Amino acid sequence: MNNNSVNEGKTAAILSYLWWVGLIIAFIMNQSKRNYFTSFHIRQSIGLSIVLFVISIFTKYGVPVFGSILFLGWFVLWVIGILGAIKGEEKEVPFLGEKFQEWFRNI
C-alpha cells in the first residue's frame, strides 16, 4: 500500500476506534472514496465492538470478575488497534484480527 493512501485514510481510521459514533462517522467518510487503509481499520473496529458487546453481556449475566478480566484483554487489543492506525500500519489485533478481516471483507 502506498503512503498517500495511508495519509488520506488515517484520520478516518483513527476515528473508527473512538466508540460506536466514531465508527459510524468513519464508515460514512469512507463510503465515497473507499480507502483500503481506512476499511482495514473499520473492519478491526467493528470486530472489537462486537467483542465488547459480548463481554458486556457476559459480565452482566455471568461472572463479573471474569468479565472484568476479559474487558482488560479487550482494552489491550483496542490499544493495539488504535496505535496501528496512528502509526499508519495495517496491524491486525492479536487472536481475532485475521477473522475480523475475513468476516467483514465486504466493508
PDB file of N, CA and C in Angstrom:
ATOM      1  N   MET A   1       0.850  -1.170   0.000  1.00  0.00           N
ATOM      2  CA  MET A   1       0.000   0.000   0.000  1.00  0.00           C
ATOM      3  C   MET A   1       0.893   1.230   0.000  1.00  0.00           C
ATOM      4  N   ASN A   2       0.474   2.238  -0.744  1.00  0.00           N
ATOM      5  CA  ASN A   2       1.311   3.427  -0.840  1.00  0.00           C
ATOM      6  C   ASN A   2       1.057   4.374   0.329  1.00  0.00           C
ATOM      7  N   ASN A   3       2.025   5.230   0.547  1.00  0.00           N
ATOM      8  CA  ASN A   3       1.990   6.166   1.655  1.00  0.00           C
ATOM      9  C   ASN A   3       0.864   7.180   1.511  1.00  0.00           C
ATOM     10  N   ASN A   4       0.513   7.542   0.276  1.00  0.00           N
ATOM     11  CA  ASN A   4      -0.563   8.501   0.027  1.00  0.00           C
ATOM     12  C   ASN A   4      -1.905   7.947   0.518  1.00  0.00           C
ATOM     13  N   SER A   5      -2.131   6.659   0.289  1.00  0.00           N
ATOM     14  CA  SER A   5      -3.369   6.021   0.728  1.00  0.00           C
ATOM     15  C   SER A   5      -3.482   6.028   2.255  1.00  0.00           C
ATOM     16  N   VAL A   6      -2.368   5.786   2.913  1.00  0.00           N
ATOM     17  CA  VAL A   6      -2.353   5.809   4.383  1.00  0.00           C
ATOM     18  C   VAL A   6      -2.656   7.210   4.884  1.00  0.00           C
ATOM     19  N   ASN A   7      -1.999   8.214   4.327  1.00  0.00           N
ATOM     20  CA  ASN A   7      -2.210   9.593   4.774  1.00  0.00           C
ATOM     21  C   ASN A   7      -3.643  10.059   4.536  1.00  0.00           C
ATOM     22  N   GLU A   8      -4.233   9.662   3.413  1.00  0.00           N
ATOM     23  CA  GLU A   8      -5.621  10.052   3.127  1.00  0.00           C
ATOM     24  C   GLU A   8      -6.611   9.399   4.083  1.00  0.00           C
ATOM     25  N   GLY A   9      -6.337   8.183   4.487  1.00  0.00           N
ATOM     26  CA  GLY A   9      -7.295   7.449   5.308  1.00  0.00           C
ATOM     27  C   GLY A   9      -7.009   7.417   6.785  1.00  0.00           C
ATOM     28  N   LYS A  10      -5.927   8.042   7.201  1.00  0.00           N
ATOM     29  CA  LYS A  10      -5.503   7.944   8.605  1.00  0.00           C
ATOM     30  C   LYS A  10      -6.513   8.537   9.581  1.00  0.00           C
ATOM     31  N   THR A  11      -7.056   9.690   9.266  1.00  0.00           N
ATOM     32  CA  THR A  11      -7.997  10.338  10.175  1.00  0.00           C
ATOM     33  C   THR A  11      -9.232   9.466  10.408  1.00  0.00           C
ATOM     34  N   ALA A  12      -9.803   8.956   9.339  1.00  0.00           N
ATOM     35  CA  ALA A  12     -10.987   8.104   9.472  1.00  0.00           C
ATOM     36  C   ALA A  12     -10.635   6.795  10.169  1.00  0.00           C
ATOM     37  N   ALA A  13      -9.428   6.269   9.928  1.00  0.00           N
ATOM     38  CA  ALA A  13      -9.012   5.024  10.580  1.00  0.00           C
ATOM     39  C   ALA A  13      -8.922   5.212  12.093  1.00  0.00           C
ATOM     40  N   ILE A  14      -8.326   6.316  12.514  1.00  0.00           N
ATOM     41  CA  ILE A  14      -8.237   6.602  13.954  1.00  0.00           C
ATOM     42  C   ILE A  14      -9.630   6.829  14.528  1.00  0.00           C
ATOM     43  N   LEU A  15     -10.432   7.569  13.818  1.00  0.00           N
ATOM     44  CA  LEU A  15     -11.794   7.874  14.258  1.00  0.00           C
ATOM     45  C   LEU A  15     -12.625   6.606  14.462  1.00  0.00           C
ATOM     46  N   SER A  16     -12.361   5.582  13.660  1.00  0.00           N
ATOM     47  CA  SER A  16     -13.152   4.346  13.753  1.00  0.00           C
ATOM     48  C   SER A  16     -13.007   3.649  15.099  1.00  0.00           C
ATOM     49  N   TYR A  17     -11.939   3.917  15.815  1.00  0.00           N
ATOM     50  CA  TYR A  17     -11.728   3.283  17.125  1.00  0.00           C
ATOM     51  C   TYR A  17     -12.348   4.068  18.277  1.00  0.00           C
ATOM     52  N   LEU A  18     -12.923   5.228  17.975  1.00  0.00           N
ATOM     53  CA  LEU A  18     -13.465   6.078  19.036  1.00  0.00           C
ATOM     54  C   LEU A  18     -14.964   5.856  19.197  1.00  0.00           C
ATOM     55  N   TRP A  19     -15.293   4.847  19.931  1.00  0.00           N
ATOM     56  CA  TRP A  19     -16.642   4.456  20.280  1.00  0.00           C
ATOM     57  C   TRP A  19     -17.450   4.152  19.034  1.00  0.00           C
ATOM     58  N   TRP A  20     -18.698   3.848  19.166  1.00  0.00           N
ATOM     59  CA  TRP A  20     -19.516   3.478  18.002  1.00  0.00           C
ATOM     60  C   TRP A  20     -19.851   4.697  17.155  1.00  0.00           C
ATOM     61  N   VAL A  21     -19.882   5.881  17.767  1.00  0.00           N
ATOM     62  CA  VAL A  21     -20.153   7.107  16.998  1.00  0.00           C
ATOM     63  C   VAL A  21     -19.011   7.358  16.009  1.00  0.00           C
ATOM     64  N   GLY A  22     -17.786   7.228  16.475  1.00  0.00           N
ATOM     65  CA  GLY A  22     -16.637   7.395  15.600  1.00  0.00           C
ATOM     66  C   GLY A  22     -16.610   6.350  14.499  1.00  0.00           C
ATOM     67  N   LEU A  23     -17.024   5.140  14.825  1.00  0.00           N
ATOM     68  CA  LEU A  23     -17.082   4.068  13.838  1.00  0.00           C
ATOM     69  C   LEU A  23     -18.076   4.404  12.727  1.00  0.00           C
ATOM     70  N   ILE A  24     -19.232   4.903  13.094  1.00  0.00           N
ATOM     71  CA  ILE A  24     -20.244   5.280  12.103  1.00  0.00           C
ATOM     72  C   ILE A  24     -19.747   6.444  11.243  1.00  0.00           C
ATOM     73  N   ILE A  25     -19.134   7.447  11.868  1.00  0.00           N
ATOM     74  CA  ILE A  25     -18.611   8.590  11.123  1.00  0.00           C
ATOM     75  C   ILE A  25     -17.525   8.139  10.158  1.00  0.00           C
ATOM     76  N   ALA A  26     -16.617   7.272  10.613  1.00  0.00           N
ATOM     77  CA  ALA A  26     -15.547   6.770   9.744  1.00  0.00           C
ATOM     78  C   ALA A  26     -16.121   5.969   8.582  1.00  0.00           C
ATOM     79  N   PHE A  27     -17.139   5.183   8.863  1.00  0.00           N
ATOM     80  CA  PHE A  27     -17.790   4.388   7.812  1.00  0.00           C
ATOM     81  C   PHE A  27     -18.390   5.302   6.743  1.00  0.00           C
ATOM     82  N   ILE A  28     -19.065   6.348   7.176  1.00  0.00           N
ATOM     83  CA  ILE A  28     -19.673   7.306   6.236  1.00  0.00           C
ATOM     84  C   ILE A  28     -18.592   8.048   5.456  1.00  0.00           C
ATOM     85  N   MET A  29     -17.524   8.458   6.134  1.00  0.00           N
ATOM     86  CA  MET A  29     -16.423   9.159   5.463  1.00  0.00           C
ATOM     87  C   MET A  29     -15.773   8.275   4.395  1.00  0.00           C
ATOM     88  N   ASN A  30     -15.748   6.984   4.625  1.00  0.00           N
ATOM     89  CA  ASN A  30     -15.064   6.062   3.718  1.00  0.00           C
ATOM     90  C   ASN A  30     -15.947   5.597   2.561  1.00  0.00           C
ATOM     91  N   GLN A  31     -17.230   5.898   2.586  1.00  0.00           N
ATOM     92  CA  GLN A  31     -18.136   5.415   1.542  1.00  0.00           C
ATOM     93  C   GLN A  31     -17.819   5.982   0.168  1.00  0.00           C
ATOM     94  N   SER A  32     -17.441   7.225   0.080  1.00  0.00           N
ATOM     95  CA  SER A  32     -17.232   7.832  -1.233  1.00  0.00           C
ATOM     96  C   SER A  32     -15.888   7.443  -1.858  1.00  0.00           C
ATOM     97  N   LYS A  33     -14.845   7.354  -1.070  1.00  0.00           N
ATOM     98  CA  LYS A  33     -13.516   7.105  -1.631  1.00  0.00           C
ATOM     99  C   LYS A  33     -13.046   5.658  -1.502  1.00  0.00           C
ATOM    100  N   ARG A  34     -13.562   4.916  -0.540  1.00  0.00           N
ATOM    101  CA  ARG A  34     -13.202   3.508  -0.317  1.00  0.00           C
ATOM    102  C   ARG A  34     -11.688   3.327  -0.162  1.00  0.00           C
ATOM    103  N   ASN A  35     -11.115   3.981   0.813  1.00  0.00           N
ATOM    104  CA  ASN A  35      -9.701   3.867   1.119  1.00  0.00           C
ATOM    105  C   ASN A  35      -9.436   2.531   1.795  1.00  0.00           C
ATOM    106  N   TYR A  36      -8.480   1.754   1.269  1.00  0.00           N
ATOM    107  CA  TYR A  36      -8.223   0.416   1.803  1.00  0.00           C
ATOM    108  C   TYR A  36      -7.733   0.472   3.245  1.00  0.00           C
ATOM    109  N   PHE A  37      -6.862   1.421   3.569  1.00  0.00           N
ATOM    110  CA  PHE A  37      -6.329   1.556   4.926  1.00  0.00           C
ATOM    111  C   PHE A  37      -7.455   1.818   5.925  1.00  0.00           C
ATOM    112  N   THR A  38      -8.348   2.721   5.574  1.00  0.00           N
ATOM    113  CA  THR A  38      -9.486   3.024   6.437  1.00  0.00           C
ATOM    114  C   THR A  38     -10.396   1.813   6.577  1.00  0.00           C
ATOM    115  N   SER A  39     -10.675   1.147   5.483  1.00  0.00           N
ATOM    116  CA  SER A  39     -11.536  -0.042   5.521  1.00  0.00           C
ATOM    117  C   SER A  39     -10.943  -1.122   6.417  1.00  0.00           C
ATOM    118  N   PHE A  40      -9.629  -1.302   6.348  1.00  0.00           N
ATOM    119  CA  PHE A  40      -8.940  -2.274   7.194  1.00  0.00           C
ATOM    120  C   PHE A  40      -9.229  -1.992   8.664  1.00  0.00           C
ATOM    121  N   HIS A  41      -9.056  -0.735   9.077  1.00  0.00           N
ATOM    122  CA  HIS A  41      -9.251  -0.388  10.487  1.00  0.00           C
ATOM    123  C   HIS A  41     -10.732  -0.361  10.873  1.00  0.00           C
ATOM    124  N   ILE A  42     -11.611  -0.048   9.948  1.00  0.00           N
ATOM    125  CA  ILE A  42     -13.044  -0.122  10.244  1.00  0.00           C
ATOM    126  C   ILE A  42     -13.424  -1.573  10.540  1.00  0.00           C
ATOM    127  N   ARG A  43     -12.903  -2.510   9.752  1.00  0.00           N
ATOM    128  CA  ARG A  43     -13.196  -3.931   9.994  1.00  0.00           C
ATOM    129  C   ARG A  43     -12.677  -4.368  11.361  1.00  0.00           C
ATOM    130  N   GLN A  44     -11.483  -3.920  11.721  1.00  0.00           N
ATOM    131  CA  GLN A  44     -10.932  -4.260  13.032  1.00  0.00           C
ATOM    132  C   GLN A  44     -11.808  -3.674  14.147  1.00  0.00           C
ATOM    133  N   SER A  45     -12.220  -2.442  13.968  1.00  0.00           N
ATOM    134  CA  SER A  45     -13.023  -1.762  14.974  1.00  0.00           C
ATOM    135  C   SER A  45     -14.412  -2.388  15.132  1.00  0.00           C
ATOM    136  N   ILE A  46     -15.027  -2.787  14.030  1.00  0.00           N
ATOM    137  CA  ILE A  46     -16.327  -3.467  14.112  1.00  0.00           C
ATOM    138  C   ILE A  46     -16.177  -4.757  14.911  1.00  0.00           C
ATOM    139  N   GLY A  47     -15.143  -5.513  14.618  1.00  0.00           N
ATOM    140  CA  GLY A  47     -14.908  -6.755  15.353  1.00  0.00           C
ATOM    141  C   GLY A  47     -14.701  -6.502  16.840  1.00  0.00           C
ATOM    142  N   LEU A  48     -13.906  -5.495  17.167  1.00  0.00           N
ATOM    143  CA  LEU A  48     -13.680  -5.173  18.581  1.00  0.00           C
ATOM    144  C   LEU A  48     -14.965  -4.706  19.257  1.00  0.00           C
ATOM    145  N   SER A  49     -15.812  -3.993  18.548  1.00  0.00           N
ATOM    146  CA  SER A  49     -17.085  -3.538  19.107  1.00  0.00           C
ATOM    147  C   SER A  49     -17.992  -4.722  19.410  1.00  0.00           C
ATOM    148  N   ILE A  50     -18.019  -5.692  18.530  1.00  0.00           N
ATOM    149  CA  ILE A  50     -18.833  -6.887  18.762  1.00  0.00           C
ATOM    150  C   ILE A  50     -18.299  -7.675  19.954  1.00  0.00           C
ATOM    151  N   VAL A  51     -16.977  -7.797  20.034  1.00  0.00           N
ATOM    152  CA  VAL A  51     -16.373  -8.490  21.176  1.00  0.00           C
ATOM    153  C   VAL A  51     -16.724  -7.775  22.479  1.00  0.00           C
ATOM    154  N   LEU A  52     -16.667  -6.451  22.481  1.00  0.00           N
ATOM    155  CA  LEU A  52     -17.026  -5.690  23.687  1.00  0.00           C
ATOM    156  C   LEU A  52     -18.483  -5.913  24.062  1.00  0.00           C
ATOM    157  N   PHE A  53     -19.366  -5.971  23.076  1.00  0.00           N
ATOM    158  CA  PHE A  53     -20.775  -6.235  23.344  1.00  0.00           C
ATOM    159  C   PHE A  53     -20.960  -7.605  24.010  1.00  0.00           C
ATOM    160  N   VAL A  54     -20.279  -8.603  23.495  1.00  0.00           N
ATOM    161  CA  VAL A  54     -20.366  -9.955  24.068  1.00  0.00           C
ATOM    162  C   VAL A  54     -19.804  -9.978  25.487  1.00  0.00           C
ATOM    163  N   ILE A  55     -18.688  -9.284  25.699  1.00  0.00           N
ATOM    164  CA  ILE A  55     -18.106  -9.210  27.043  1.00  0.00           C
ATOM    165  C   ILE A  55     -19.067  -8.536  28.008  1.00  0.00           C
ATOM    166  N   SER A  56     -19.740  -7.479  27.573  1.00  0.00           N
ATOM    167  CA  SER A  56     -20.671  -6.780  28.466  1.00  0.00           C
ATOM    168  C   SER A  56     -21.854  -7.666  28.834  1.00  0.00           C
ATOM    169  N   ILE A  57     -22.339  -8.450  27.899  1.00  0.00           N
ATOM    170  CA  ILE A  57     -23.423  -9.387  28.211  1.00  0.00           C
ATOM    171  C   ILE A  57     -22.928 -10.451  29.187  1.00  0.00           C
ATOM    172  N   PHE A  58     -21.741 -10.970  28.932  1.00  0.00           N
ATOM    173  CA  PHE A  58     -21.169 -11.990  29.806  1.00  0.00           C
ATOM    174  C   PHE A  58     -20.960 -11.442  31.208  1.00  0.00           C
ATOM    175  N   THR A  59     -20.517 -10.189  31.300  1.00  0.00           N
ATOM    176  CA  THR A  59     -20.289  -9.573  32.604  1.00  0.00           C
ATOM    177  C   THR A  59     -21.600  -9.383  33.360  1.00  0.00           C
ATOM    178  N   LYS A  60     -22.651  -8.981  32.641  1.00  0.00           N
ATOM    179  CA  LYS A  60     -23.930  -8.725  33.292  1.00  0.00           C
ATOM    180  C   LYS A  60     -24.608 -10.011  33.759  1.00  0.00           C
ATOM    181  N   TYR A  61     -24.564 -11.051  32.921  1.00  0.00           N
ATOM    182  CA  TYR A  61     -25.300 -12.274  33.239  1.00  0.00           C
ATOM    183  C   TYR A  61     -24.407 -13.427  33.674  1.00  0.00           C
ATOM    184  N   GLY A  62     -23.120 -13.243  33.648  1.00  0.00           N
ATOM    185  CA  GLY A  62     -22.191 -14.308  34.005  1.00  0.00           C
ATOM    186  C   GLY A  62     -21.446 -13.959  35.274  1.00  0.00           C
ATOM    187  N   VAL A  63     -20.165 -14.183  35.235  1.00  0.00           N
ATOM    188  CA  VAL A  63     -19.298 -13.911  36.372  1.00  0.00           C
ATOM    189  C   VAL A  63     -18.641 -12.547  36.167  1.00  0.00           C
ATOM    190  N   PRO A  64     -19.011 -11.548  36.975  1.00  0.00           N
ATOM    191  CA  PRO A  64     -18.488 -10.190  36.770  1.00  0.00           C
ATOM    192  C   PRO A  64     -16.962 -10.087  36.840  1.00  0.00           C
ATOM    193  N   VAL A  65     -16.335 -10.847  37.715  1.00  0.00           N
ATOM    194  CA  VAL A  65     -14.877 -10.765  37.843  1.00  0.00           C
ATOM    195  C   VAL A  65     -14.215 -11.260  36.557  1.00  0.00           C
ATOM    196  N   PHE A  66     -14.704 -12.344  36.000  1.00  0.00           N
ATOM    197  CA  PHE A  66     -14.155 -12.870  34.753  1.00  0.00           C
ATOM    198  C   PHE A  66     -14.415 -11.891  33.611  1.00  0.00           C
ATOM    199  N   GLY A  67     -15.569 -11.249  33.631  1.00  0.00           N
ATOM    200  CA  GLY A  67     -15.884 -10.238  32.627  1.00  0.00           C
ATOM    201  C   GLY A  67     -14.925  -9.064  32.703  1.00  0.00           C
ATOM    202  N   SER A  68     -14.530  -8.690  33.910  1.00  0.00           N
ATOM    203  CA  SER A  68     -13.569  -7.596  34.076  1.00  0.00           C
ATOM    204  C   SER A  68     -12.209  -7.966  33.493  1.00  0.00           C
ATOM    205  N   ILE A  69     -11.810  -9.201  33.661  1.00  0.00           N
ATOM    206  CA  ILE A  69     -10.546  -9.671  33.087  1.00  0.00           C
ATOM    207  C   ILE A  69     -10.637  -9.656  31.560  1.00  0.00           C
ATOM    208  N   LEU A  70     -11.772 -10.095  31.023  1.00  0.00           N
ATOM    209  CA  LEU A  70     -11.976 -10.062  29.569  1.00  0.00           C
ATOM    210  C   LEU A  70     -11.959  -8.629  29.049  1.00  0.00           C
ATOM    211  N   PHE A  71     -12.559  -7.712  29.809  1.00  0.00           N
ATOM    212  CA  PHE A  71     -12.559  -6.309  29.395  1.00  0.00           C
ATOM    213  C   PHE A  71     -11.138  -5.763  29.336  1.00  0.00           C
ATOM    214  N   LEU A  72     -10.315  -6.135  30.300  1.00  0.00           N
ATOM    215  CA  LEU A  72      -8.926  -5.684  30.296  1.00  0.00           C
ATOM    216  C   LEU A  72      -8.209  -6.208  29.043  1.00  0.00           C
ATOM    217  N   GLY A  73      -8.453  -7.466  28.694  1.00  0.00           N
ATOM    218  CA  GLY A  73      -7.881  -8.024  27.469  1.00  0.00           C
ATOM    219  C   GLY A  73      -8.376  -7.288  26.236  1.00  0.00           C
ATOM    220  N   TRP A  74      -9.679  -6.968  26.214  1.00  0.00           N
ATOM    221  CA  TRP A  74     -10.244  -6.205  25.089  1.00  0.00           C
ATOM    222  C   TRP A  74      -9.570  -4.841  24.983  1.00  0.00           C
ATOM    223  N   PHE A  75      -9.358  -4.199  26.121  1.00  0.00           N
ATOM    224  CA  PHE A  75      -8.735  -2.871  26.123  1.00  0.00           C
ATOM    225  C   PHE A  75      -7.330  -2.921  25.520  1.00  0.00           C
ATOM    226  N   VAL A  76      -6.575  -3.959  25.839  1.00  0.00           N
ATOM    227  CA  VAL A  76      -5.235  -4.120  25.268  1.00  0.00           C
ATOM    228  C   VAL A  76      -5.339  -4.261  23.744  1.00  0.00           C
ATOM    229  N   LEU A  77      -6.302  -5.052  23.262  1.00  0.00           N
ATOM    230  CA  LEU A  77      -6.499  -5.207  21.814  1.00  0.00           C
ATOM    231  C   LEU A  77      -6.892  -3.879  21.173  1.00  0.00           C
ATOM    232  N   TRP A  78      -7.740  -3.112  21.849  1.00  0.00           N
ATOM    233  CA  TRP A  78      -8.163  -1.807  21.335  1.00  0.00           C
ATOM    234  C   TRP A  78      -6.961  -0.861  21.221  1.00  0.00           C
ATOM    235  N   VAL A  79      -6.101  -0.857  22.229  1.00  0.00           N
ATOM    236  CA  VAL A  79      -4.907  -0.001  22.200  1.00  0.00           C
ATOM    237  C   VAL A  79      -3.999  -0.406  21.041  1.00  0.00           C
ATOM    238  N   ILE A  80      -3.820  -1.701  20.822  1.00  0.00           N
ATOM    239  CA  ILE A  80      -3.008  -2.180  19.695  1.00  0.00           C
ATOM    240  C   ILE A  80      -3.608  -1.692  18.379  1.00  0.00           C
ATOM    241  N   GLY A  81      -4.933  -1.772  18.252  1.00  0.00           N
ATOM    242  CA  GLY A  81      -5.596  -1.334  17.035  1.00  0.00           C
ATOM    243  C   GLY A  81      -5.450   0.148  16.783  1.00  0.00           C
ATOM    244  N   ILE A  82      -5.718   0.959  17.768  1.00  0.00           N
ATOM    245  CA  ILE A  82      -5.654   2.406  17.556  1.00  0.00           C
ATOM    246  C   ILE A  82      -4.209   2.880  17.357  1.00  0.00           C
ATOM    247  N   LEU A  83      -3.256   2.242  18.035  1.00  0.00           N
ATOM    248  CA  LEU A  83      -1.858   2.610  17.807  1.00  0.00           C
ATOM    249  C   LEU A  83      -1.420   2.256  16.392  1.00  0.00           C
ATOM    250  N   GLY A  84      -1.921   1.144  15.866  1.00  0.00           N
ATOM    251  CA  GLY A  84      -1.626   0.791  14.478  1.00  0.00           C
ATOM    252  C   GLY A  84      -2.174   1.833  13.519  1.00  0.00           C
ATOM    253  N   ALA A  85      -3.367   2.330  13.790  1.00  0.00           N
ATOM    254  CA  ALA A  85      -3.960   3.370  12.941  1.00  0.00           C
ATOM    255  C   ALA A  85      -3.164   4.665  13.039  1.00  0.00           C
ATOM    256  N   ILE A  86      -2.737   5.020  14.230  1.00  0.00           N
ATOM    257  CA  ILE A  86      -1.966   6.250  14.427  1.00  0.00           C
ATOM    258  C   ILE A  86      -0.620   6.166  13.714  1.00  0.00           C
ATOM    259  N   LYS A  87       0.016   4.992  13.791  1.00  0.00           N
ATOM    260  CA  LYS A  87       1.324   4.811  13.157  1.00  0.00           C
ATOM    261  C   LYS A  87       1.228   4.598  11.651  1.00  0.00           C
ATOM    262  N   GLY A  88       0.027   4.386  11.132  1.00  0.00           N
ATOM    263  CA  GLY A  88      -0.143   4.155   9.706  1.00  0.00           C
ATOM    264  C   GLY A  88       0.163   2.724   9.299  1.00  0.00           C
ATOM    265  N   GLU A  89      -0.043   1.792  10.209  1.00  0.00           N
ATOM    266  CA  GLU A  89       0.240   0.377   9.959  1.00  0.00           C
ATOM    267  C   GLU A  89      -1.051  -0.411   9.810  1.00  0.00           C
ATOM    268  N   GLU A  90      -1.017  -1.432   8.985  1.00  0.00           N
ATOM    269  CA  GLU A  90      -2.123  -2.383   8.896  1.00  0.00           C
ATOM    270  C   GLU A  90      -1.801  -3.555   9.804  1.00  0.00           C
ATOM    271  N   LYS A  91      -1.931  -3.328  11.083  1.00  0.00           N
ATOM    272  CA  LYS A  91      -1.586  -4.330  12.080  1.00  0.00           C
ATOM    273  C   LYS A  91      -2.871  -4.920  12.652  1.00  0.00           C
ATOM    274  N   GLU A  92      -3.079  -6.210  12.395  1.00  0.00           N
ATOM    275  CA  GLU A  92      -4.274  -6.869  12.916  1.00  0.00           C
ATOM    276  C   GLU A  92      -4.143  -7.034  14.425  1.00  0.00           C
ATOM    277  N   VAL A  93      -5.273  -6.944  15.114  1.00  0.00           N
ATOM    278  CA  VAL A  93      -5.251  -7.201  16.545  1.00  0.00           C
ATOM    279  C   VAL A  93      -4.994  -8.690  16.754  1.00  0.00           C
ATOM    280  N   PRO A  94      -4.256  -9.042  17.801  1.00  0.00           N
ATOM    281  CA  PRO A  94      -3.951 -10.457  18.041  1.00  0.00           C
ATOM    282  C   PRO A  94      -5.217 -11.296  18.230  1.00  0.00           C
ATOM    283  N   PHE A  95      -5.117 -12.552  17.914  1.00  0.00           N
ATOM    284  CA  PHE A  95      -6.140 -13.587  18.088  1.00  0.00           C
ATOM    285  C   PHE A  95      -7.276 -13.507  17.071  1.00  0.00           C
ATOM    286  N   LEU A  96      -7.951 -12.380  16.970  1.00  0.00           N
ATOM    287  CA  LEU A  96      -9.150 -12.303  16.142  1.00  0.00           C
ATOM    288  C   LEU A  96      -9.036 -11.382  14.933  1.00  0.00           C
ATOM    289  N   GLY A  97      -7.971 -10.630  14.810  1.00  0.00           N
ATOM    290  CA  GLY A  97      -7.833  -9.650  13.743  1.00  0.00           C
ATOM    291  C   GLY A  97      -7.967 -10.241  12.352  1.00  0.00           C
ATOM    292  N   GLU A  98      -7.372 -11.406  12.144  1.00  0.00           N
ATOM    293  CA  GLU A  98      -7.476 -12.066  10.838  1.00  0.00           C
ATOM    294  C   GLU A  98      -8.922 -12.459  10.540  1.00  0.00           C
ATOM    295  N   LYS A  99      -9.625 -12.928  11.551  1.00  0.00           N
ATOM    296  CA  LYS A  99     -11.041 -13.298  11.390  1.00  0.00           C
ATOM    297  C   LYS A  99     -11.895 -12.064  11.110  1.00  0.00           C
ATOM    298  N   PHE A 100     -11.604 -10.956  11.777  1.00  0.00           N
ATOM    299  CA  PHE A 100     -12.354  -9.724  11.524  1.00  0.00           C
ATOM    300  C   PHE A 100     -12.225  -9.318  10.060  1.00  0.00           C
ATOM    301  N   GLN A 101     -11.008  -9.424   9.509  1.00  0.00           N
ATOM    302  CA  GLN A 101     -10.795  -9.072   8.109  1.00  0.00           C
ATOM    303  C   GLN A 101     -11.580 -10.001   7.182  1.00  0.00           C
ATOM    304  N   GLU A 102     -11.651 -11.261   7.562  1.00  0.00           N
ATOM    305  CA  GLU A 102     -12.380 -12.248   6.747  1.00  0.00           C
ATOM    306  C   GLU A 102     -13.887 -12.044   6.866  1.00  0.00           C
ATOM    307  N   TRP A 103     -14.391 -11.902   8.074  1.00  0.00           N
ATOM    308  CA  TRP A 103     -15.832 -11.799   8.310  1.00  0.00           C
ATOM    309  C   TRP A 103     -16.431 -10.530   7.715  1.00  0.00           C
ATOM    310  N   PHE A 104     -15.701  -9.445   7.771  1.00  0.00           N
ATOM    311  CA  PHE A 104     -16.224  -8.143   7.329  1.00  0.00           C
ATOM    312  C   PHE A 104     -15.559  -7.659   6.051  1.00  0.00           C
ATOM    313  N   ARG A 105     -15.134  -8.560   5.193  1.00  0.00           N
ATOM    314  CA  ARG A 105     -14.375  -8.202   3.987  1.00  0.00           C
ATOM    315  C   ARG A 105     -15.162  -7.334   3.017  1.00  0.00           C
ATOM    316  N   ASN A 106     -16.491  -7.318   3.098  1.00  0.00           N
ATOM    317  CA  ASN A 106     -17.307  -6.506   2.187  1.00  0.00           C
ATOM    318  C   ASN A 106     -17.377  -5.049   2.598  1.00  0.00           C
ATOM    319  N   ILE A 107     -16.782  -4.702   3.703  1.00  0.00           N
ATOM    320  CA  ILE A 107     -16.819  -3.316   4.196  1.00  0.00           C
ATOM    321  C   ILE A 107     -15.626  -2.563   3.659  1.00  0.00           C
TER     322      ILE A 107
END
